[in-house]
Full PDB file with SEQRES, HELIX, SHEET, SSBOND, CRYST1, ORIGX, SCALE, CONECT and MASTER records, all heavy atoms in Angstrom:
SEQRES   1 A   40  GLU LEU ILE SER SER ALA ILE GLY ASP LEU VAL GLN GLY          
SEQRES   2 A   40  ILE TYR TYR GLU ASN SER LYS SER SER GLU GLU ASN CYS          
SEQRES   3 A   40  LEU THR ASP ASP ILE GLY MET SER ARG TRP LYS GLU GLN          
SEQRES   4 A   40  VAL                                                          
HELIX    1 AA1 LEU A    2  SER A   19  1                                  18    
HELIX    2 AA2 ASP A   30  GLN A   39  1                                  10    
CRYST1    1.000    1.000    1.000  90.00  90.00  90.00 P 1           1          
ORIGX1      1.000000  0.000000  0.000000        0.00000                         
ORIGX2      0.000000  1.000000  0.000000        0.00000                         
ORIGX3      0.000000  0.000000  1.000000        0.00000                         
SCALE1      1.000000  0.000000  0.000000        0.00000                         
SCALE2      0.000000  1.000000  0.000000        0.00000                         
SCALE3      0.000000  0.000000  1.000000        0.00000                         
ATOM      1  N   GLU A   1      89.310  56.066  98.918  1.00  0.00           N  
ATOM      2  CA  GLU A   1      90.496  55.245  99.210  1.00  0.00           C  
ATOM      3  C   GLU A   1      90.691  55.070 100.711  1.00  0.00           C  
ATOM      4  O   GLU A   1      90.971  53.962 101.194  1.00  0.00           O  
ATOM      5  CB  GLU A   1      91.730  55.916  98.591  1.00  0.00           C  
ATOM      6  CG  GLU A   1      93.016  55.132  98.784  1.00  0.00           C  
ATOM      7  CD  GLU A   1      94.229  55.850  98.205  1.00  0.00           C  
ATOM      8  OE1 GLU A   1      94.047  56.796  97.420  1.00  0.00           O  
ATOM      9  OE2 GLU A   1      95.346  55.464  98.568  1.00  0.00           O  
ATOM     10  N   LEU A   2      90.517  56.159 101.478  1.00  0.00           N  
ATOM     11  CA  LEU A   2      90.696  56.090 102.929  1.00  0.00           C  
ATOM     12  C   LEU A   2      89.697  55.141 103.580  1.00  0.00           C  
ATOM     13  O   LEU A   2      90.067  54.264 104.379  1.00  0.00           O  
ATOM     14  CB  LEU A   2      90.527  57.496 103.531  1.00  0.00           C  
ATOM     15  CG  LEU A   2      91.743  58.425 103.509  1.00  0.00           C  
ATOM     16  CD1 LEU A   2      91.333  59.843 103.888  1.00  0.00           C  
ATOM     17  CD2 LEU A   2      92.824  57.910 104.456  1.00  0.00           C  
ATOM     18  N   ILE A   3      88.411  55.314 103.252  1.00  0.00           N  
ATOM     19  CA  ILE A   3      87.377  54.501 103.899  1.00  0.00           C  
ATOM     20  C   ILE A   3      87.454  53.049 103.426  1.00  0.00           C  
ATOM     21  O   ILE A   3      87.225  52.121 104.206  1.00  0.00           O  
ATOM     22  CB  ILE A   3      85.975  55.096 103.651  1.00  0.00           C  
ATOM     23  CG1 ILE A   3      85.919  56.561 104.134  1.00  0.00           C  
ATOM     24  CG2 ILE A   3      84.911  54.272 104.358  1.00  0.00           C  
ATOM     25  CD1 ILE A   3      86.275  56.753 105.598  1.00  0.00           C  
ATOM     26  N   SER A   4      87.792  52.847 102.158  1.00  0.00           N  
ATOM     27  CA  SER A   4      87.947  51.472 101.653  1.00  0.00           C  
ATOM     28  C   SER A   4      89.079  50.755 102.390  1.00  0.00           C  
ATOM     29  O   SER A   4      88.960  49.582 102.741  1.00  0.00           O  
ATOM     30  CB  SER A   4      88.241  51.485 100.153  1.00  0.00           C  
ATOM     31  OG  SER A   4      87.176  52.061  99.433  1.00  0.00           O  
ATOM     32  N   SER A   5      90.181  51.483 102.631  1.00  0.00           N  
ATOM     33  CA  SER A   5      91.292  50.874 103.359  1.00  0.00           C  
ATOM     34  C   SER A   5      90.910  50.587 104.812  1.00  0.00           C  
ATOM     35  O   SER A   5      91.382  49.605 105.404  1.00  0.00           O  
ATOM     36  CB  SER A   5      92.534  51.770 103.301  1.00  0.00           C  
ATOM     37  OG  SER A   5      92.325  52.969 104.008  1.00  0.00           O  
ATOM     38  N   ALA A   6      90.030  51.429 105.385  1.00  0.00           N  
ATOM     39  CA  ALA A   6      89.562  51.192 106.757  1.00  0.00           C  
ATOM     40  C   ALA A   6      88.726  49.914 106.827  1.00  0.00           C  
ATOM     41  O   ALA A   6      88.822  49.150 107.800  1.00  0.00           O  
ATOM     42  CB  ALA A   6      88.742  52.386 107.247  1.00  0.00           C  
ATOM     43  N   ILE A   7      87.897  49.668 105.791  1.00  0.00           N  
ATOM     44  CA  ILE A   7      87.121  48.429 105.735  1.00  0.00           C  
ATOM     45  C   ILE A   7      88.071  47.235 105.664  1.00  0.00           C  
ATOM     46  O   ILE A   7      87.885  46.218 106.347  1.00  0.00           O  
ATOM     47  CB  ILE A   7      86.161  48.438 104.527  1.00  0.00           C  
ATOM     48  CG1 ILE A   7      85.085  49.515 104.724  1.00  0.00           C  
ATOM     49  CG2 ILE A   7      85.503  47.061 104.339  1.00  0.00           C  
ATOM     50  CD1 ILE A   7      84.184  49.727 103.512  1.00  0.00           C  
ATOM     51  N   GLY A   8      89.131  47.364 104.850  1.00  0.00           N  
ATOM     52  CA  GLY A   8      90.133  46.307 104.765  1.00  0.00           C  
ATOM     53  C   GLY A   8      90.814  46.062 106.099  1.00  0.00           C  
ATOM     54  O   GLY A   8      91.061  44.908 106.491  1.00  0.00           O  
ATOM     55  N   ASP A   9      91.116  47.154 106.827  1.00  0.00           N  
ATOM     56  CA  ASP A   9      91.734  47.025 108.152  1.00  0.00           C  
ATOM     57  C   ASP A   9      90.802  46.283 109.114  1.00  0.00           C  
ATOM     58  O   ASP A   9      91.262  45.451 109.910  1.00  0.00           O  
ATOM     59  CB  ASP A   9      92.058  48.405 108.722  1.00  0.00           C  
ATOM     60  CG  ASP A   9      93.195  49.094 107.978  1.00  0.00           C  
ATOM     61  OD1 ASP A   9      94.001  48.386 107.348  1.00  0.00           O  
ATOM     62  OD2 ASP A   9      93.258  50.337 108.017  1.00  0.00           O  
ATOM     63  N   LEU A  10      89.509  46.605 109.065  1.00  0.00           N  
ATOM     64  CA  LEU A  10      88.542  45.929 109.932  1.00  0.00           C  
ATOM     65  C   LEU A  10      88.521  44.432 109.686  1.00  0.00           C  
ATOM     66  O   LEU A  10      88.535  43.632 110.630  1.00  0.00           O  
ATOM     67  CB  LEU A  10      87.137  46.514 109.691  1.00  0.00           C  
ATOM     68  CG  LEU A  10      86.756  47.767 110.468  1.00  0.00           C  
ATOM     69  CD1 LEU A  10      85.481  48.367 109.908  1.00  0.00           C  
ATOM     70  CD2 LEU A  10      86.579  47.460 111.941  1.00  0.00           C  
ATOM     71  N   VAL A  11      88.479  44.057 108.420  1.00  0.00           N  
ATOM     72  CA  VAL A  11      88.469  42.625 108.073  1.00  0.00           C  
ATOM     73  C   VAL A  11      89.727  41.947 108.601  1.00  0.00           C  
ATOM     74  O   VAL A  11      89.670  40.874 109.224  1.00  0.00           O  
ATOM     75  CB  VAL A  11      88.363  42.438 106.538  1.00  0.00           C  
ATOM     76  CG1 VAL A  11      88.518  40.969 106.166  1.00  0.00           C  
ATOM     77  CG2 VAL A  11      87.021  42.970 106.041  1.00  0.00           C  
ATOM     78  N   GLN A  12      90.879  42.583 108.376  1.00  0.00           N  
ATOM     79  CA  GLN A  12      92.152  42.017 108.817  1.00  0.00           C  
ATOM     80  C   GLN A  12      92.199  41.920 110.341  1.00  0.00           C  
ATOM     81  O   GLN A  12      92.677  40.930 110.895  1.00  0.00           O  
ATOM     82  CB  GLN A  12      93.304  42.888 108.308  1.00  0.00           C  
ATOM     83  CG  GLN A  12      94.688  42.286 108.557  1.00  0.00           C  
ATOM     84  CD  GLN A  12      95.800  43.165 108.008  1.00  0.00           C  
ATOM     85  OE1 GLN A  12      95.556  44.055 107.194  1.00  0.00           O  
ATOM     86  NE2 GLN A  12      97.018  42.934 108.449  1.00  0.00           N  
ATOM     87  N   GLY A  13      91.693  42.951 111.018  1.00  0.00           N  
ATOM     88  CA  GLY A  13      91.704  42.967 112.480  1.00  0.00           C  
ATOM     89  C   GLY A  13      90.846  41.870 113.083  1.00  0.00           C  
ATOM     90  O   GLY A  13      91.247  41.213 114.053  1.00  0.00           O  
ATOM     91  N   ILE A  14      89.664  41.648 112.513  1.00  0.00           N  
ATOM     92  CA  ILE A  14      88.774  40.602 113.028  1.00  0.00           C  
ATOM     93  C   ILE A  14      89.374  39.222 112.762  1.00  0.00           C  
ATOM     94  O   ILE A  14      89.322  38.325 113.611  1.00  0.00           O  
ATOM     95  CB  ILE A  14      87.371  40.733 112.391  1.00  0.00           C  
ATOM     96  CG1 ILE A  14      86.705  42.027 112.890  1.00  0.00           C  
ATOM     97  CG2 ILE A  14      86.502  39.534 112.734  1.00  0.00           C  
ATOM     98  CD1 ILE A  14      85.451  42.415 112.156  1.00  0.00           C  
ATOM     99  N   TYR A  15      89.986  39.053 111.591  1.00  0.00           N  
ATOM    100  CA  TYR A  15      90.661  37.789 111.276  1.00  0.00           C  
ATOM    101  C   TYR A  15      91.797  37.557 112.259  1.00  0.00           C  
ATOM    102  O   TYR A  15      91.997  36.460 112.773  1.00  0.00           O  
ATOM    103  CB  TYR A  15      91.191  37.813 109.842  1.00  0.00           C  
ATOM    104  CG  TYR A  15      91.973  36.572 109.463  1.00  0.00           C  
ATOM    105  CD1 TYR A  15      91.320  35.396 109.088  1.00  0.00           C  
ATOM    106  CD2 TYR A  15      93.367  36.572 109.506  1.00  0.00           C  
ATOM    107  CE1 TYR A  15      92.035  34.261 108.761  1.00  0.00           C  
ATOM    108  CE2 TYR A  15      94.086  35.436 109.185  1.00  0.00           C  
ATOM    109  CZ  TYR A  15      93.420  34.287 108.809  1.00  0.00           C  
ATOM    110  OH  TYR A  15      94.120  33.168 108.492  1.00  0.00           O  
ATOM    111  N   TYR A  16      92.540  38.611 112.563  1.00  0.00           N  
ATOM    112  CA  TYR A  16      93.675  38.542 113.486  1.00  0.00           C  
ATOM    113  C   TYR A  16      93.198  38.144 114.877  1.00  0.00           C  
ATOM    114  O   TYR A  16      93.799  37.308 115.555  1.00  0.00           O  
ATOM    115  CB  TYR A  16      94.365  39.902 113.501  1.00  0.00           C  
ATOM    116  CG  TYR A  16      95.658  39.975 114.271  1.00  0.00           C  
ATOM    117  CD1 TYR A  16      96.726  39.149 113.942  1.00  0.00           C  
ATOM    118  CD2 TYR A  16      95.826  40.889 115.307  1.00  0.00           C  
ATOM    119  CE1 TYR A  16      97.927  39.226 114.635  1.00  0.00           C  
ATOM    120  CE2 TYR A  16      97.032  40.973 116.001  1.00  0.00           C  
ATOM    121  CZ  TYR A  16      98.069  40.136 115.662  1.00  0.00           C  
ATOM    122  OH  TYR A  16      99.252  40.211 116.349  1.00  0.00           O  
ATOM    123  N   GLU A  17      92.078  38.750 115.333  1.00  0.00           N  
ATOM    124  CA  GLU A  17      91.497  38.427 116.636  1.00  0.00           C  
ATOM    125  C   GLU A  17      91.135  36.950 116.740  1.00  0.00           C  
ATOM    126  O   GLU A  17      91.413  36.277 117.721  1.00  0.00           O  
ATOM    127  CB  GLU A  17      90.228  39.251 116.870  1.00  0.00           C  
ATOM    128  CG  GLU A  17      90.456  40.639 117.390  1.00  0.00           C  
ATOM    129  CD  GLU A  17      89.140  41.350 117.654  1.00  0.00           C  
ATOM    130  OE1 GLU A  17      88.066  40.753 117.413  1.00  0.00           O  
ATOM    131  OE2 GLU A  17      89.183  42.509 118.082  1.00  0.00           O  
ATOM    132  N   ASN A  18      90.477  36.447 115.698  1.00  0.00           N  
ATOM    133  CA  ASN A  18      89.956  35.081 115.733  1.00  0.00           C  
ATOM    134  C   ASN A  18      91.031  34.022 115.521  1.00  0.00           C  
ATOM    135  O   ASN A  18      90.802  32.850 115.835  1.00  0.00           O  
ATOM    136  CB  ASN A  18      88.866  34.916 114.668  1.00  0.00           C  
ATOM    137  CG  ASN A  18      87.644  35.754 114.980  1.00  0.00           C  
ATOM    138  OD1 ASN A  18      87.398  36.083 116.132  1.00  0.00           O  
ATOM    139  ND2 ASN A  18      86.893  36.130 113.965  1.00  0.00           N  
ATOM    140  N   SER A  19      92.179  34.402 114.969  1.00  0.00           N  
ATOM    141  CA  SER A  19      93.205  33.415 114.666  1.00  0.00           C  
ATOM    142  C   SER A  19      94.256  33.307 115.768  1.00  0.00           C  
ATOM    143  O   SER A  19      95.084  32.406 115.755  1.00  0.00           O  
ATOM    144  CB  SER A  19      93.904  33.757 113.339  1.00  0.00           C  
ATOM    145  OG  SER A  19      94.570  35.004 113.451  1.00  0.00           O  
ATOM    146  N   LYS A  20      94.231  34.220 116.750  1.00  0.00           N  
ATOM    147  CA  LYS A  20      95.248  34.209 117.799  1.00  0.00           C  
ATOM    148  C   LYS A  20      94.953  33.137 118.833  1.00  0.00           C  
ATOM    149  O   LYS A  20      93.804  32.857 119.142  1.00  0.00           O  
ATOM    150  CB  LYS A  20      95.296  35.559 118.518  1.00  0.00           C  
ATOM    151  CG  LYS A  20      95.941  36.644 117.704  1.00  0.00           C  
ATOM    152  CD  LYS A  20      96.400  37.781 118.594  1.00  0.00           C  
ATOM    153  CE  LYS A  20      95.348  38.187 119.595  1.00  0.00           C  
ATOM    154  NZ  LYS A  20      95.826  39.204 120.510  1.00  0.00           N  
ATOM    155  N   SER A  21      96.003  32.538 119.386  1.00  0.00           N  
ATOM    156  CA  SER A  21      95.842  31.584 120.480  1.00  0.00           C  
ATOM    157  C   SER A  21      95.726  32.357 121.792  1.00  0.00           C  
ATOM    158  O   SER A  21      96.056  33.535 121.864  1.00  0.00           O  
ATOM    159  CB  SER A  21      97.043  30.644 120.547  1.00  0.00           C  
ATOM    160  OG  SER A  21      98.220  31.372 120.879  1.00  0.00           O  
ATOM    161  N   SER A  22      95.266  31.687 122.841  1.00  0.00           N  
ATOM    162  CA  SER A  22      95.082  32.352 124.134  1.00  0.00           C  
ATOM    163  C   SER A  22      96.416  32.830 124.708  1.00  0.00           C  
ATOM    164  O   SER A  22      96.485  33.834 125.419  1.00  0.00           O  
ATOM    165  CB  SER A  22      94.397  31.412 125.123  1.00  0.00           C  
ATOM    166  OG  SER A  22      95.155  30.220 125.273  1.00  0.00           O  
ATOM    167  N   GLU A  23      97.521  32.104 124.399  1.00  0.00           N  
ATOM    168  CA  GLU A  23      98.828  32.511 124.890  1.00  0.00           C  
ATOM    169  C   GLU A  23      99.231  33.863 124.294  1.00  0.00           C  
ATOM    170  O   GLU A  23      99.795  34.721 124.965  1.00  0.00           O  
ATOM    171  CB  GLU A  23      99.892  31.465 124.538  1.00  0.00           C  
ATOM    172  CG  GLU A  23      99.760  30.160 125.305  1.00  0.00           C  
ATOM    173  CD  GLU A  23      98.707  29.247 124.720  1.00  0.00           C  
ATOM    174  OE1 GLU A  23      98.269  29.514 123.581  1.00  0.00           O  
ATOM    175  OE2 GLU A  23      98.302  28.291 125.407  1.00  0.00           O  
ATOM    176  N   GLU A  24      98.935  34.050 123.007  1.00  0.00           N  
ATOM    177  CA  GLU A  24      99.320  35.295 122.345  1.00  0.00           C  
ATOM    178  C   GLU A  24      98.495  36.474 122.826  1.00  0.00           C  
ATOM    179  O   GLU A  24      98.849  37.617 122.602  1.00  0.00           O  
ATOM    180  CB  GLU A  24      99.142  35.145 120.823  1.00  0.00           C  
ATOM    181  CG  GLU A  24     100.183  34.255 120.168  1.00  0.00           C  
ATOM    182  CD  GLU A  24      99.912  34.115 118.676  1.00  0.00           C  
ATOM    183  OE1 GLU A  24      98.739  33.886 118.318  1.00  0.00           O  
ATOM    184  OE2 GLU A  24     100.853  34.220 117.890  1.00  0.00           O  
ATOM    185  N   ASN A  25      97.380  36.170 123.492  1.00  0.00           N  
ATOM    186  CA  ASN A  25      96.467  37.226 123.945  1.00  0.00           C  
ATOM    187  C   ASN A  25      96.957  37.884 125.239  1.00  0.00           C  
ATOM    188  O   ASN A  25      96.406  38.875 125.673  1.00  0.00           O  
ATOM    189  CB  ASN A  25      95.076  36.632 124.150  1.00  0.00           C  
ATOM    190  CG  ASN A  25      93.997  37.677 123.960  1.00  0.00           C  
ATOM    191  OD1 ASN A  25      94.200  38.668 123.276  1.00  0.00           O  
ATOM    192  ND2 ASN A  25      92.850  37.461 124.578  1.00  0.00           N  
ATOM    193  N   CYS A  26      97.979  37.282 125.889  1.00  0.00           N  
ATOM    194  CA  CYS A  26      98.477  37.817 127.150  1.00  0.00           C  
ATOM    195  C   CYS A  26      99.473  38.948 126.897  1.00  0.00           C  
ATOM    196  O   CYS A  26     100.386  38.805 126.098  1.00  0.00           O  
ATOM    197  CB  CYS A  26      99.156  36.704 127.959  1.00  0.00           C  
ATOM    198  SG  CYS A  26      98.045  35.350 128.384  1.00  0.00           S  
ATOM    199  N   LEU A  27      99.292  40.053 127.618  1.00  0.00           N  
ATOM    200  CA  LEU A  27     100.207  41.184 127.483  1.00  0.00           C  
ATOM    201  C   LEU A  27     101.258  41.079 128.591  1.00  0.00           C  
ATOM    202  O   LEU A  27     101.058  41.551 129.702  1.00  0.00           O  
ATOM    203  CB  LEU A  27      99.441  42.500 127.586  1.00  0.00           C  
ATOM    204  CG  LEU A  27      98.353  42.728 126.538  1.00  0.00           C  
ATOM    205  CD1 LEU A  27      97.660  44.059 126.768  1.00  0.00           C  
ATOM    206  CD2 LEU A  27      98.935  42.684 125.137  1.00  0.00           C  
ATOM    207  N   THR A  28     102.368  40.400 128.277  1.00  0.00           N  
ATOM    208  CA  THR A  28     103.382  40.164 129.296  1.00  0.00           C  
ATOM    209  C   THR A  28     104.618  41.044 129.123  1.00  0.00           C  
ATOM    210  O   THR A  28     105.407  41.168 130.033  1.00  0.00           O  
ATOM    211  CB  THR A  28     103.819  38.689 129.263  1.00  0.00           C  
ATOM    212  OG1 THR A  28     104.237  38.367 127.928  1.00  0.00           O  
ATOM    213  CG2 THR A  28     102.670  37.775 129.666  1.00  0.00           C  
ATOM    214  N   ASP A  29     104.806  41.609 127.947  1.00  0.00           N  
ATOM    215  CA  ASP A  29     105.995  42.431 127.710  1.00  0.00           C  
ATOM    216  C   ASP A  29     105.684  43.471 126.638  1.00  0.00           C  
ATOM    217  O   ASP A  29     104.547  43.593 126.184  1.00  0.00           O  
ATOM    218  CB  ASP A  29     107.174  41.561 127.273  1.00  0.00           C  
ATOM    219  CG  ASP A  29     106.812  40.644 126.108  1.00  0.00           C  
ATOM    220  OD1 ASP A  29     105.944  41.030 125.306  1.00  0.00           O  
ATOM    221  OD2 ASP A  29     107.400  39.561 126.008  1.00  0.00           O  
ATOM    222  N   ASP A  30     106.714  44.216 126.262  1.00  0.00           N  
ATOM    223  CA  ASP A  30     106.509  45.285 125.292  1.00  0.00           C  
ATOM    224  C   ASP A  30     106.088  44.755 123.926  1.00  0.00           C  
ATOM    225  O   ASP A  30     105.336  45.395 123.205  1.00  0.00           O  
ATOM    226  CB  ASP A  30     107.788  46.117 125.160  1.00  0.00           C  
ATOM    227  CG  ASP A  30     107.568  47.370 124.331  1.00  0.00           C  
ATOM    228  OD1 ASP A  30     106.623  48.108 124.651  1.00  0.00           O  
ATOM    229  OD2 ASP A  30     108.322  47.608 123.388  1.00  0.00           O  
ATOM    230  N   ILE A  31     106.585  43.570 123.577  1.00  0.00           N  
ATOM    231  CA  ILE A  31     106.197  42.973 122.293  1.00  0.00           C  
ATOM    232  C   ILE A  31     104.704  42.651 122.302  1.00  0.00           C  
ATOM    233  O   ILE A  31     103.977  42.892 121.345  1.00  0.00           O  
ATOM    234  CB  ILE A  31     107.030  41.695 122.025  1.00  0.00           C  
ATOM    235  CG1 ILE A  31     108.518  42.058 121.865  1.00  0.00           C  
ATOM    236  CG2 ILE A  31     106.536  40.979 120.776  1.00  0.00           C  
ATOM    237  CD1 ILE A  31     109.445  40.866 121.742  1.00  0.00           C  
ATOM    238  N   GLY A  32     104.244  42.135 123.439  1.00  0.00           N  
ATOM    239  CA  GLY A  32     102.813  41.846 123.569  1.00  0.00           C  
ATOM    240  C   GLY A  32     101.965  43.100 123.440  1.00  0.00           C  
ATOM    241  O   GLY A  32     100.930  43.100 122.791  1.00  0.00           O  
ATOM    242  N   MET A  33     102.433  44.203 124.029  1.00  0.00           N  
ATOM    243  CA  MET A  33     101.716  45.475 123.927  1.00  0.00           C  
ATOM    244  C   MET A  33     101.688  45.976 122.487  1.00  0.00           C  
ATOM    245  O   MET A  33     100.685  46.505 122.018  1.00  0.00           O  
ATOM    246  CB  MET A  33     102.374  46.517 124.846  1.00  0.00           C  
ATOM    247  CG  MET A  33     101.692  47.872 124.837  1.00  0.00           C  
ATOM    248  SD  MET A  33      99.943  47.773 125.349  1.00  0.00           S  
ATOM    249  CE  MET A  33     100.129  47.509 127.110  1.00  0.00           C  
ATOM    250  N   SER A  34     102.818  45.799 121.776  1.00  0.00           N  
ATOM    251  CA  SER A  34     102.870  46.221 120.372  1.00  0.00           C  
ATOM    252  C   SER A  34     101.843  45.463 119.547  1.00  0.00           C  
ATOM    253  O   SER A  34     101.171  46.042 118.691  1.00  0.00           O  
ATOM    254  CB  SER A  34     104.272  45.985 119.803  1.00  0.00           C  
ATOM    255  OG  SER A  34     105.222  46.752 120.499  1.00  0.00           O  
ATOM    256  N   ARG A  35     101.757  44.164 119.804  1.00  0.00           N  
ATOM    257  CA  ARG A  35     100.779  43.349 119.081  1.00  0.00           C  
ATOM    258  C   ARG A  35      99.363  43.800 119.402  1.00  0.00           C  
ATOM    259  O   ARG A  35      98.505  43.881 118.522  1.00  0.00           O  
ATOM    260  CB  ARG A  35     100.933  41.862 119.455  1.00  0.00           C  
ATOM    261  CG  ARG A  35     102.146  41.202 118.810  1.00  0.00           C  
ATOM    262  CD  ARG A  35     102.240  39.764 119.273  1.00  0.00           C  
ATOM    263  NE  ARG A  35     103.400  39.096 118.703  1.00  0.00           N  
ATOM    264  CZ  ARG A  35     103.863  37.924 119.124  1.00  0.00           C  
ATOM    265  NH1 ARG A  35     103.266  37.326 120.132  1.00  0.00           N  
ATOM    266  NH2 ARG A  35     104.918  37.374 118.550  1.00  0.00           N  
ATOM    267  N   TRP A  36      99.120  44.111 120.683  1.00  0.00           N  
ATOM    268  CA  TRP A  36      97.778  44.552 121.095  1.00  0.00           C  
ATOM    269  C   TRP A  36      97.419  45.852 120.394  1.00  0.00           C  
ATOM    270  O   TRP A  36      96.313  46.006 119.877  1.00  0.00           O  
ATOM    271  CB  TRP A  36      97.747  44.742 122.611  1.00  0.00           C  
ATOM    272  CG  TRP A  36      96.406  45.208 123.115  1.00  0.00           C  
ATOM    273  CD1 TRP A  36      95.333  44.436 123.439  1.00  0.00           C  
ATOM    274  CD2 TRP A  36      95.996  46.570 123.328  1.00  0.00           C  
ATOM    275  NE1 TRP A  36      94.274  45.233 123.831  1.00  0.00           N  
ATOM    276  CE2 TRP A  36      94.657  46.536 123.774  1.00  0.00           C  
ATOM    277  CE3 TRP A  36      96.632  47.803 123.177  1.00  0.00           C  
ATOM    278  CZ2 TRP A  36      93.953  47.688 124.081  1.00  0.00           C  
ATOM    279  CZ3 TRP A  36      95.923  48.944 123.479  1.00  0.00           C  
ATOM    280  CH2 TRP A  36      94.601  48.886 123.940  1.00  0.00           C  
ATOM    281  N   LYS A  37      98.353  46.787 120.355  1.00  0.00           N  
ATOM    282  CA  LYS A  37      98.094  48.089 119.713  1.00  0.00           C  
ATOM    283  C   LYS A  37      97.835  47.917 118.222  1.00  0.00           C  
ATOM    284  O   LYS A  37      96.950  48.565 117.659  1.00  0.00           O  
ATOM    285  CB  LYS A  37      99.282  49.019 119.942  1.00  0.00           C  
ATOM    286  CG  LYS A  37      99.354  49.570 121.361  1.00  0.00           C  
ATOM    287  CD  LYS A  37     100.704  50.167 121.680  1.00  0.00           C  
ATOM    288  CE  LYS A  37     100.931  51.490 120.995  1.00  0.00           C  
ATOM    289  NZ  LYS A  37     102.205  52.105 121.445  1.00  0.00           N  
ATOM    290  N   GLU A  38      98.581  47.009 117.595  1.00  0.00           N  
ATOM    291  CA  GLU A  38      98.383  46.756 116.167  1.00  0.00           C  
ATOM    292  C   GLU A  38      96.996  46.174 115.907  1.00  0.00           C  
ATOM    293  O   GLU A  38      96.283  46.606 115.006  1.00  0.00           O  
ATOM    294  CB  GLU A  38      99.457  45.789 115.663  1.00  0.00           C  
ATOM    295  CG  GLU A  38      99.320  45.439 114.175  1.00  0.00           C  
ATOM    296  CD  GLU A  38     100.274  44.341 113.743  1.00  0.00           C  
ATOM    297  OE1 GLU A  38     101.076  43.860 114.562  1.00  0.00           O  
ATOM    298  OE2 GLU A  38     100.190  43.938 112.564  1.00  0.00           O  
ATOM    299  N   GLN A  39      96.614  45.195 116.752  1.00  0.00           N  
ATOM    300  CA  GLN A  39      95.315  44.556 116.571  1.00  0.00           C  
ATOM    301  C   GLN A  39      94.167  45.528 116.822  1.00  0.00           C  
ATOM    302  O   GLN A  39      93.194  45.569 116.059  1.00  0.00           O  
ATOM    303  CB  GLN A  39      95.191  43.359 117.515  1.00  0.00           C  
ATOM    304  CG  GLN A  39      93.847  42.644 117.413  1.00  0.00           C  
ATOM    305  CD  GLN A  39      93.514  41.857 118.661  1.00  0.00           C  
ATOM    306  OE1 GLN A  39      94.369  41.151 119.177  1.00  0.00           O  
ATOM    307  NE2 GLN A  39      92.286  41.981 119.139  1.00  0.00           N  
ATOM    308  N   VAL A  40      94.280  46.310 117.895  1.00  0.00           N  
ATOM    309  CA  VAL A  40      93.210  47.255 118.241  1.00  0.00           C  
ATOM    310  C   VAL A  40      93.091  48.345 117.175  1.00  0.00           C  
ATOM    311  O   VAL A  40      91.991  48.778 116.834  1.00  0.00           O  
ATOM    312  CB  VAL A  40      93.445  47.870 119.636  1.00  0.00           C  
ATOM    313  CG1 VAL A  40      92.494  49.031 119.893  1.00  0.00           C  
ATOM    314  CG2 VAL A  40      93.265  46.809 120.705  1.00  0.00           C  
TER     315      VAL A  40                                                      
MASTER        0    0    0    2    0    0    0    6  314    1    0    4          
END                                                                             
């Protein structure tokens, strides 16, 4: 269950990376940092 969920997280993370616009990629405030930590 743990490793299967990790595979699911990887898929979601890569999808998240590829779907973000360049503006959302900028870490300008705490919200931006939260998004970065979630994605990473």
